[in-house]
Amino acid sequence: MTQTQWRILKALDEPEILQVQTPAIIAFNLDISKTWANQQLLELVDEGLVEKVAKGKYRITDAGRAKIAEP
């Protein structure tokens, strides 16, 4: 898992932030490009850590929450 993927998972897991995010919002908040955010999200989806809930909208899965809770 890349550092960016870790940051995306943590951002999606924050209760103060909307539970469903777009690559553009993630990119803005993490100061990365939208293209990079989208690429990382697609990899996280492939790993089952994030799910696509609608076109361009993502949220963390229970597996993603378990991953960031690991020591």
C-alpha atoms as a PDB file:
ATOM      1  CA  MET A   1       0.000   0.000   0.000  1.00  0.00           C
ATOM      2  CA  THR A   2       1.342   3.395  -0.951  1.00  0.00           C
ATOM      3  CA  GLN A   3       1.467   6.374   1.385  1.00  0.00           C
ATOM      4  CA  THR A   4      -1.139   8.092  -0.776  1.00  0.00           C
ATOM      5  CA  GLN A   5      -3.464   5.083  -0.548  1.00  0.00           C
ATOM      6  CA  TRP A   6      -3.051   5.127   3.237  1.00  0.00           C
ATOM      7  CA  ARG A   7      -3.904   8.840   3.354  1.00  0.00           C
ATOM      8  CA  ILE A   8      -6.976   8.271   1.163  1.00  0.00           C
ATOM      9  CA  LEU A   9      -8.220   5.479   3.439  1.00  0.00           C
ATOM     10  CA  LYS A  10      -7.686   7.638   6.516  1.00  0.00           C
ATOM     11  CA  ALA A  11      -9.522  10.556   4.894  1.00  0.00           C
ATOM     12  CA  LEU A  12     -12.462   8.339   3.919  1.00  0.00           C
ATOM     13  CA  ASP A  13     -12.627   6.969   7.456  1.00  0.00           C
ATOM     14  CA  GLU A  14     -12.782  10.380   9.166  1.00  0.00           C
ATOM     15  CA  PRO A  15     -16.259  10.872  10.666  1.00  0.00           C
ATOM     16  CA  GLU A  16     -16.119  14.655  10.218  1.00  0.00           C
ATOM     17  CA  ILE A  17     -15.694  14.263   6.466  1.00  0.00           C
ATOM     18  CA  LEU A  18     -18.533  13.185   4.209  1.00  0.00           C
ATOM     19  CA  GLN A  19     -18.633   9.411   3.939  1.00  0.00           C
ATOM     20  CA  VAL A  20     -18.825   9.424   0.139  1.00  0.00           C
ATOM     21  CA  GLN A  21     -16.113  11.336  -1.692  1.00  0.00           C
ATOM     22  CA  THR A  22     -15.076  12.114  -5.241  1.00  0.00           C
ATOM     23  CA  PRO A  23     -11.523  11.972  -6.600  1.00  0.00           C
ATOM     24  CA  ALA A  24     -11.575  15.771  -6.986  1.00  0.00           C
ATOM     25  CA  ILE A  25     -12.437  16.361  -3.319  1.00  0.00           C
ATOM     26  CA  ILE A  26      -9.883  13.814  -2.158  1.00  0.00           C
ATOM     27  CA  ALA A  27      -7.232  15.380  -4.411  1.00  0.00           C
ATOM     28  CA  PHE A  28      -8.001  18.861  -3.109  1.00  0.00           C
ATOM     29  CA  ASN A  29      -7.906  17.845   0.554  1.00  0.00           C
ATOM     30  CA  LEU A  30      -4.736  15.749   0.239  1.00  0.00           C
ATOM     31  CA  ASP A  31      -2.961  18.191  -2.105  1.00  0.00           C
ATOM     32  CA  ILE A  32      -2.496  15.641  -4.893  1.00  0.00           C
ATOM     33  CA  SER A  33      -3.639  15.622  -8.505  1.00  0.00           C
ATOM     34  CA  LYS A  34      -7.117  14.389  -9.379  1.00  0.00           C
ATOM     35  CA  THR A  35      -5.588  11.889 -11.808  1.00  0.00           C
ATOM     36  CA  TRP A  36      -3.361  10.442  -9.070  1.00  0.00           C
ATOM     37  CA  ALA A  37      -6.252  10.288  -6.609  1.00  0.00           C
ATOM     38  CA  ASN A  38      -8.414   8.485  -9.168  1.00  0.00           C
ATOM     39  CA  GLN A  39      -5.662   5.975  -9.961  1.00  0.00           C
ATOM     40  CA  GLN A  40      -5.103   5.237  -6.273  1.00  0.00           C
ATOM     41  CA  LEU A  41      -8.843   4.882  -5.652  1.00  0.00           C
ATOM     42  CA  LEU A  42      -9.143   2.345  -8.473  1.00  0.00           C
ATOM     43  CA  GLU A  43      -6.331   0.290  -6.931  1.00  0.00           C
ATOM     44  CA  LEU A  44      -8.035   0.479  -3.526  1.00  0.00           C
ATOM     45  CA  VAL A  45     -11.283  -0.708  -5.147  1.00  0.00           C
ATOM     46  CA  ASP A  46      -9.420  -3.656  -6.698  1.00  0.00           C
ATOM     47  CA  GLU A  47      -8.095  -4.540  -3.242  1.00  0.00           C
ATOM     48  CA  GLY A  48     -11.587  -4.314  -1.713  1.00  0.00           C
ATOM     49  CA  LEU A  49     -10.612  -1.482   0.626  1.00  0.00           C
ATOM     50  CA  VAL A  50     -12.812   1.130  -1.064  1.00  0.00           C
ATOM     51  CA  GLU A  51     -16.048   0.693  -2.978  1.00  0.00           C
ATOM     52  CA  LYS A  52     -17.463   2.684  -5.855  1.00  0.00           C
ATOM     53  CA  VAL A  53     -21.020   3.636  -4.891  1.00  0.00           C
ATOM     54  CA  ALA A  54     -21.885   5.649  -8.010  1.00  0.00           C
ATOM     55  CA  LYS A  55     -20.069   7.114 -10.973  1.00  0.00           C
ATOM     56  CA  GLY A  56     -17.094   8.985  -9.521  1.00  0.00           C
ATOM     57  CA  LYS A  57     -18.120   8.451  -5.895  1.00  0.00           C
ATOM     58  CA  TYR A  58     -16.268   6.260  -3.413  1.00  0.00           C
ATOM     59  CA  ARG A  59     -16.386   5.197   0.227  1.00  0.00           C
ATOM     60  CA  ILE A  60     -14.283   3.061   2.514  1.00  0.00           C
ATOM     61  CA  THR A  61     -15.273  -0.567   3.140  1.00  0.00           C
ATOM     62  CA  ASP A  62     -15.137  -2.541   6.370  1.00  0.00           C
ATOM     63  CA  ALA A  63     -11.971  -4.169   4.998  1.00  0.00           C
ATOM     64  CA  GLY A  64     -10.490  -0.689   4.502  1.00  0.00           C
ATOM     65  CA  ARG A  65     -11.309   0.250   8.075  1.00  0.00           C
ATOM     66  CA  ALA A  66      -9.725  -2.985   9.294  1.00  0.00           C
ATOM     67  CA  LYS A  67      -6.608  -2.242   7.233  1.00  0.00           C
ATOM     68  CA  ILE A  68      -6.032   1.161   8.785  1.00  0.00           C
ATOM     69  CA  ALA A  69      -6.686  -0.269  12.257  1.00  0.00           C
ATOM     70  CA  GLU A  70      -3.815  -2.736  11.834  1.00  0.00           C
ATOM     71  CA  PRO A  71      -0.679  -1.917  13.841  1.00  0.00           C
END
